[in-house]
Protein backbone atom coordinates (compact mmCIF):
# COMPACT_ATOMS: atom_id res chain seq x y z
CA MET A 1 65.00 -14.70 60.14
CA ASN A 2 61.61 -13.28 58.91
CA HIS A 3 58.13 -12.89 60.81
CA THR A 4 56.78 -15.92 58.47
CA LYS A 5 59.17 -18.18 59.20
CA ILE A 6 59.25 -18.11 62.88
CA LYS A 7 55.55 -18.25 62.82
CA TRP A 8 55.10 -21.36 61.41
CA ILE A 9 58.08 -23.05 63.85
CA LEU A 10 56.18 -21.56 66.63
CA LEU A 11 53.35 -23.69 65.06
CA LEU A 12 55.60 -26.65 65.63
CA VAL A 13 56.25 -25.86 69.10
CA ILE A 14 53.20 -26.00 70.04
CA ILE A 15 52.71 -29.33 68.05
CA MET A 16 55.78 -30.83 70.17
CA TRP A 17 54.28 -29.18 73.54
CA GLY A 18 50.68 -30.30 72.29
CA SER A 19 51.79 -34.05 72.49
CA ASN A 20 53.43 -33.80 75.25
CA PHE A 21 50.87 -33.23 77.94
CA VAL A 22 49.71 -36.70 76.59
CA ILE A 23 52.97 -37.86 77.22
CA THR A 24 54.29 -36.96 80.32
CA LYS A 25 50.75 -37.88 81.68
CA ILE A 26 51.65 -41.32 80.85
CA LEU A 27 55.37 -41.17 81.50
CA LEU A 28 54.07 -40.47 85.38
CA GLU A 29 52.05 -43.61 85.42
CA SER A 30 55.55 -45.62 85.17
CA PHE A 31 58.31 -43.49 86.29
CA PRO A 32 59.17 -42.02 89.66
CA PHE A 33 58.36 -38.19 89.55
CA TRP A 34 62.25 -36.69 90.36
CA THR A 35 63.63 -39.34 88.00
CA LEU A 36 61.46 -38.60 85.18
CA LEU A 37 62.12 -34.77 85.38
CA PHE A 38 66.00 -35.33 85.45
CA PHE A 39 66.19 -37.63 82.76
CA ARG A 40 63.93 -35.84 81.09
CA ASN A 41 66.00 -32.34 81.17
CA VAL A 42 69.18 -33.88 80.76
CA PHE A 43 68.08 -35.61 77.70
CA ALA A 44 66.92 -31.59 76.32
CA ALA A 45 70.50 -30.65 77.72
CA ALA A 46 72.45 -33.11 75.50
CA ALA A 47 70.73 -32.45 72.53
CA LEU A 48 71.19 -28.65 73.13
CA VAL A 49 74.94 -29.55 73.64
CA TRP A 50 75.29 -30.84 70.59
CA ILE A 51 72.95 -28.68 68.57
CA VAL A 52 74.75 -25.64 69.50
CA ARG A 53 77.99 -27.22 69.75
CA LYS A 54 80.21 -24.28 67.75
CA PHE A 55 78.94 -21.80 70.16
CA LEU A 56 79.40 -22.98 73.65
CA PHE A 57 82.17 -19.98 74.29
CA ILE A 58 79.25 -17.62 74.09
CA ILE A 59 78.99 -16.97 78.04
CA PRO A 60 77.19 -13.89 79.07
CA LYS A 61 79.21 -10.62 79.41
CA ASN A 62 78.20 -8.87 82.51
CA LYS A 63 76.27 -9.50 85.73
CA LYS A 64 73.14 -7.99 84.47
CA VAL A 65 73.21 -10.48 81.85
CA TRP A 66 74.32 -13.16 83.86
CA GLY A 67 71.18 -12.26 85.75
CA TYR A 68 68.77 -12.17 82.62
CA VAL A 69 69.85 -15.53 81.59
CA LEU A 70 70.12 -16.76 85.63
CA GLY A 71 66.62 -15.32 85.84
CA ALA A 72 64.95 -17.39 82.69
CA SER A 73 67.04 -20.63 83.60
CA ILE A 74 65.51 -20.93 87.33
CA ILE A 75 62.24 -19.86 86.87
CA GLY A 76 61.44 -20.32 83.38
CA VAL A 77 62.21 -24.07 83.45
CA VAL A 78 64.17 -25.18 87.11
CA ILE A 79 60.68 -24.20 89.25
CA ASN A 80 58.32 -24.29 86.48
CA ASN A 81 59.16 -27.98 85.47
CA ALA A 82 58.81 -29.15 88.42
CA LEU A 83 55.70 -27.35 88.92
CA PHE A 84 53.94 -28.87 85.74
CA GLN A 85 55.16 -31.88 86.37
CA VAL A 86 53.59 -32.02 89.83
CA GLY A 87 50.24 -30.17 88.69
CA LEU A 88 49.64 -32.70 85.96
CA LYS A 89 50.35 -35.09 88.16
CA TYR A 90 47.21 -34.44 90.62
CA THR A 91 44.73 -32.90 88.34
CA SER A 92 43.41 -33.63 84.97
CA ALA A 93 44.50 -32.33 81.55
CA THR A 94 40.92 -30.73 81.19
CA ASN A 95 41.82 -28.23 84.07
CA ALA A 96 45.74 -28.01 83.69
CA SER A 97 44.88 -27.19 79.30
CA LEU A 98 42.33 -24.60 80.68
CA ILE A 99 44.47 -23.24 83.31
CA MET A 100 48.01 -22.78 81.11
CA GLY A 101 44.88 -20.97 77.67
CA LEU A 102 45.63 -17.85 80.10
CA THR A 103 49.19 -17.52 79.20
CA PRO A 104 48.49 -15.17 76.74
CA LEU A 105 46.07 -12.75 79.20
CA ALA A 106 48.88 -13.40 81.38
CA THR A 107 51.71 -12.49 79.56
CA ALA A 108 50.15 -10.39 77.63
CA PHE A 109 49.74 -8.15 81.20
CA ILE A 110 52.57 -9.05 81.99
CA SER A 111 54.46 -7.01 78.32
CA TYR A 112 52.38 -4.19 79.29
CA LEU A 113 53.51 -3.31 82.59
CA VAL A 114 56.80 -4.43 82.11
CA PHE A 115 57.74 -3.32 78.33
CA SER A 116 55.01 -1.01 78.20
CA ALA A 117 53.64 -2.64 75.04
CA PRO A 118 50.58 -1.53 73.22
CA LEU A 119 47.47 -4.09 73.01
CA HIS A 120 46.76 -3.72 70.00
CA TRP A 121 43.34 -4.61 69.22
CA LYS A 122 43.78 -7.86 66.94
CA GLN A 123 46.06 -8.74 69.79
CA LEU A 124 42.93 -8.68 72.46
CA LEU A 125 40.52 -9.65 69.91
CA GLY A 126 42.88 -12.63 69.04
CA ILE A 127 43.04 -13.13 72.94
CA GLY A 128 39.54 -13.19 73.20
CA LEU A 129 38.84 -15.72 70.53
CA GLY A 130 41.56 -18.26 70.94
CA PHE A 131 40.54 -18.48 74.66
CA PHE A 132 36.61 -19.10 73.92
CA GLY A 133 37.77 -21.41 71.54
CA VAL A 134 40.57 -23.39 74.46
CA THR A 135 37.29 -23.55 76.48
CA LEU A 136 35.36 -25.37 74.10
CA VAL A 137 38.09 -27.31 73.59
CA VAL A 138 38.78 -28.55 77.09
CA LEU A 139 35.10 -28.92 78.69
CA LYS A 140 34.04 -30.35 74.95
CA GLY A 141 31.30 -27.82 74.45
CA SER A 142 29.22 -27.85 77.71
CA ILE A 143 28.46 -25.81 80.10
CA THR A 144 27.74 -28.91 83.04
CA ASN A 145 31.97 -29.47 82.56
CA LEU A 146 32.14 -25.78 83.74
CA ILE A 147 30.43 -26.86 86.67
CA GLN A 148 31.18 -29.91 87.70
CA LEU A 149 34.77 -29.03 87.35
CA SER A 150 36.82 -29.43 90.85
CA PHE A 151 39.60 -28.08 91.81
CA ASN A 152 42.68 -29.14 93.77
CA ILE A 153 46.21 -28.75 94.93
CA GLY A 154 46.98 -29.62 91.40
CA ASP A 155 45.34 -26.80 90.00
CA LEU A 156 47.34 -24.65 91.81
CA PHE A 157 50.63 -25.88 90.81
CA ILE A 158 49.67 -25.25 87.02
CA ILE A 159 48.57 -21.90 87.73
CA GLY A 160 52.01 -21.45 89.37
CA ALA A 161 53.83 -22.96 86.10
CA LEU A 162 51.36 -20.56 84.27
CA LEU A 163 53.04 -17.48 85.83
CA THR A 164 56.36 -18.57 86.17
CA PHE A 165 56.08 -19.41 82.43
CA SER A 166 54.61 -15.93 81.64
CA ILE A 167 57.59 -14.45 84.44
CA SER A 168 60.54 -16.35 82.41
CA PHE A 169 59.52 -14.37 79.24
CA ILE A 170 61.00 -11.08 80.35
CA PHE A 171 63.90 -12.43 81.63
CA ILE A 172 64.28 -13.76 77.90
CA LYS A 173 63.68 -10.93 76.00
CA LYS A 174 65.57 -8.40 77.75
CA ALA A 175 68.86 -11.44 77.69
CA THR A 176 68.40 -11.70 73.77
CA ASP A 177 67.63 -7.97 73.81
CA VAL A 178 71.15 -7.14 74.05
CA LYS A 179 71.70 -9.84 71.53
CA PHE A 180 72.66 -12.82 73.95
CA PRO A 181 71.55 -16.40 71.46
CA PRO A 182 68.17 -18.05 72.88
CA ALA A 183 69.88 -21.42 72.17
CA ILE A 184 72.61 -20.28 74.69
CA ILE A 185 69.78 -19.75 77.44
CA SER A 186 67.41 -22.98 76.83
CA LEU A 187 71.73 -24.77 77.11
CA TYR A 188 72.00 -22.79 80.49
CA ALA A 189 68.43 -23.43 81.73
CA TYR A 190 68.69 -27.59 80.74
CA ALA A 191 72.27 -28.09 82.58
CA LEU A 192 71.29 -26.20 85.55
CA SER A 193 67.83 -28.09 86.12
CA SER A 194 69.74 -31.05 85.87
CA ILE A 195 72.36 -30.07 88.53
CA CYS A 196 69.18 -28.82 90.78
CA TYR A 197 67.53 -32.01 89.83
CA LEU A 198 70.21 -34.58 91.28
CA PRO A 199 70.41 -34.59 94.25
CA PHE A 200 66.43 -35.22 94.40
CA VAL A 201 66.49 -38.33 92.43
CA LEU A 202 69.40 -39.53 94.34
CA TRP A 203 66.85 -39.50 97.33
CA GLU A 204 63.76 -40.98 94.75
CA GLN A 205 66.51 -43.47 94.22
CA SER A 206 67.86 -44.56 97.75
CA VAL A 207 64.03 -45.00 99.15
CA ILE A 208 62.40 -46.56 95.92
CA GLY A 209 65.51 -48.48 94.48
CA TRP A 210 66.84 -48.19 91.11
CA GLY A 211 65.72 -51.37 90.08
CA GLU A 212 61.96 -49.92 89.92
CA LEU A 213 62.58 -47.76 86.56
CA PRO A 214 61.05 -49.23 83.80
CA SER A 215 62.26 -51.78 81.39
CA SER A 216 59.66 -51.04 78.58
CA LEU A 217 61.73 -49.85 75.61
CA LEU A 218 58.79 -47.75 74.19
CA LEU A 219 58.71 -46.33 77.31
CA TRP A 220 62.14 -45.03 77.23
CA LEU A 221 61.86 -43.70 73.68
CA MET A 222 59.48 -41.48 74.60
CA LEU A 223 61.24 -40.08 77.26
CA LEU A 224 63.81 -39.20 75.02
CA TYR A 225 61.65 -38.07 72.58
CA VAL A 226 59.58 -35.66 75.20
CA GLY A 227 63.37 -34.68 76.31
CA VAL A 228 64.81 -33.93 72.71
CA PHE A 229 61.91 -32.34 71.18
CA PRO A 230 59.14 -30.51 73.33
CA THR A 231 61.40 -29.53 76.35
CA GLY A 232 65.03 -29.18 74.45
CA VAL A 233 64.35 -28.18 70.90
CA GLY A 234 61.26 -26.57 71.47
CA ASN A 235 62.03 -24.16 74.45
CA MET A 236 65.19 -23.45 72.37
CA LEU A 237 63.16 -22.17 69.13
CA TRP A 238 60.37 -20.50 71.62
CA ASN A 239 63.16 -18.60 72.97
CA ARG A 240 64.14 -17.70 69.09
CA GLY A 241 60.67 -16.87 68.61
CA ILE A 242 60.33 -14.43 71.88
CA SER A 243 63.68 -12.66 70.82
CA ILE A 244 62.08 -11.69 67.49
CA LEU A 245 58.23 -11.33 68.18
CA GLY A 246 58.41 -10.59 71.82
CA PRO A 247 56.16 -12.19 74.48
CA GLY A 248 53.16 -10.93 73.57
CA GLN A 249 52.54 -12.50 70.28
CA CYS A 250 54.72 -15.72 71.01
CA ALA A 251 52.16 -16.48 74.32
CA ILE A 252 49.11 -16.23 71.40
CA PHE A 253 50.44 -19.88 70.01
CA MET A 254 49.84 -21.19 73.39
CA ASN A 255 46.39 -21.57 72.75
CA GLY A 256 47.30 -24.32 70.27
CA ILE A 257 48.02 -26.93 72.66
CA PRO A 258 44.90 -27.37 73.93
CA LEU A 259 43.89 -28.44 70.07
CA VAL A 260 46.70 -30.31 69.61
CA ALA A 261 46.73 -31.99 73.05
CA ALA A 262 43.17 -33.03 72.23
CA ILE A 263 44.26 -34.83 68.87
CA THR A 264 46.91 -36.49 70.94
CA ALA A 265 44.40 -37.93 72.75
CA VAL A 266 42.59 -39.13 69.74
CA ILE A 267 45.06 -40.73 68.48
CA VAL A 268 47.56 -42.33 71.47
CA LEU A 269 44.34 -43.04 74.15
CA ASP A 270 41.80 -43.07 71.59
CA GLU A 271 39.29 -40.85 73.02
CA PRO A 272 36.36 -38.96 70.78
CA ILE A 273 36.17 -35.62 69.70
CA LEU A 274 33.27 -33.84 69.15
CA MET A 275 31.75 -31.57 66.64
CA LEU A 276 32.08 -28.84 69.66
CA GLN A 277 35.34 -29.55 69.66
CA ILE A 278 36.14 -28.84 66.00
CA ILE A 279 34.54 -25.19 66.44
CA GLY A 280 36.55 -24.58 69.35
CA PHE A 281 39.44 -26.03 66.92
CA LEU A 282 38.87 -23.26 64.41
CA PHE A 283 38.10 -20.24 66.92
CA ILE A 284 42.20 -20.71 68.49
CA GLY A 285 43.00 -20.83 64.75
CA THR A 286 41.46 -17.72 63.98
CA GLY A 287 42.84 -16.36 67.37
CA VAL A 288 46.76 -16.80 66.55
CA ILE A 289 46.10 -15.47 63.18
CA LEU A 290 44.58 -12.62 64.58
CA GLY A 291 46.91 -11.72 67.88
CA SER A 292 49.91 -12.42 65.73
CA GLN A 293 49.07 -9.67 63.61
CA THR A 294 50.79 -6.55 64.72
CA SER A 295 53.15 -4.62 62.96
CA LYS A 296 57.25 -4.45 63.44
CA PRO A 297 58.47 -1.03 64.04
CA ALA A 298 62.02 -0.72 61.35
CA VAL A 299 64.33 -0.23 64.41
CA GLU A 300 63.10 -3.87 65.46
CA LYS A 301 64.36 -5.24 61.49
CA LYS A 302 67.13 -3.47 61.95
CA ASP A 303 68.72 -4.88 64.92
CA GLU A 304 67.27 -8.57 64.13
CA LYS A 305 69.33 -8.29 60.68
CA GLU A 306 72.16 -7.08 63.40
CA SER A 307 71.84 -9.88 65.78
CA SER A 308 71.30 -12.66 63.00
CA SER A 309 75.28 -12.98 62.96
CA ILE A 310 75.19 -14.16 65.98
CA SER A 311 72.22 -16.42 67.35
CA VAL A 312 71.28 -19.62 67.81
């Protein structure tokens, strides 16, 4: 898969993830916490089983690969999903978007430390422009909004989600470097997370009762969408992007999440959109374009060609 195609795919992932902010916020008002997390990941796992059904026989070959896959699963999904959902429950979407907008910075720094990945000037400029655009979007262009931001325990959980998300890129990259398919990593992650969340669901439902689950078909369809697309398919495609572009370039696309979240809020919640936010969107787009323009060594192209036959 060439770089241009995977970049378009990553943009699709960001659209799904951006909508996830608003929809999950709505679902948290109707579903019990652990029950929502469990069903979302079960739907994701079920979708991935169908997508990779011809490759279910592929398993990690040794302890090292198992370590990479389990590291990506536990840190990037089991822990990350719980931290993100707790954070979104107790903080505003504005605060969460601003904090998650730091993902490219955190990922670039981690990639530099772990992989000795050079920080190209275009990448640094793209990160800077993108973060400035994120700030305009989430703060609605007002310095007063920055001063008035109140941070709470939810923000700390979002910071934890940011760090676990960035750290999981390391394990994903190492697993895909040894030709383990990204889609199978995603399947392991959501199957394992569903098992881990099940005891909490049983405890939660024993306290509040299964009768408290919403009966609205629309809410269940929203949950199905969040589980299948932003969670399952989105994670699978993101892992594929990391295997081709690397953690640093992929993280640049995270700057687009506040843009999509703001547009979704306009459509779903009828929130107004300001001119300064539109300017912020332009900065974000410019940052993504600049930050993703790094050359790829020929040896990596050769490795990609060799691995394409087993990648899902």
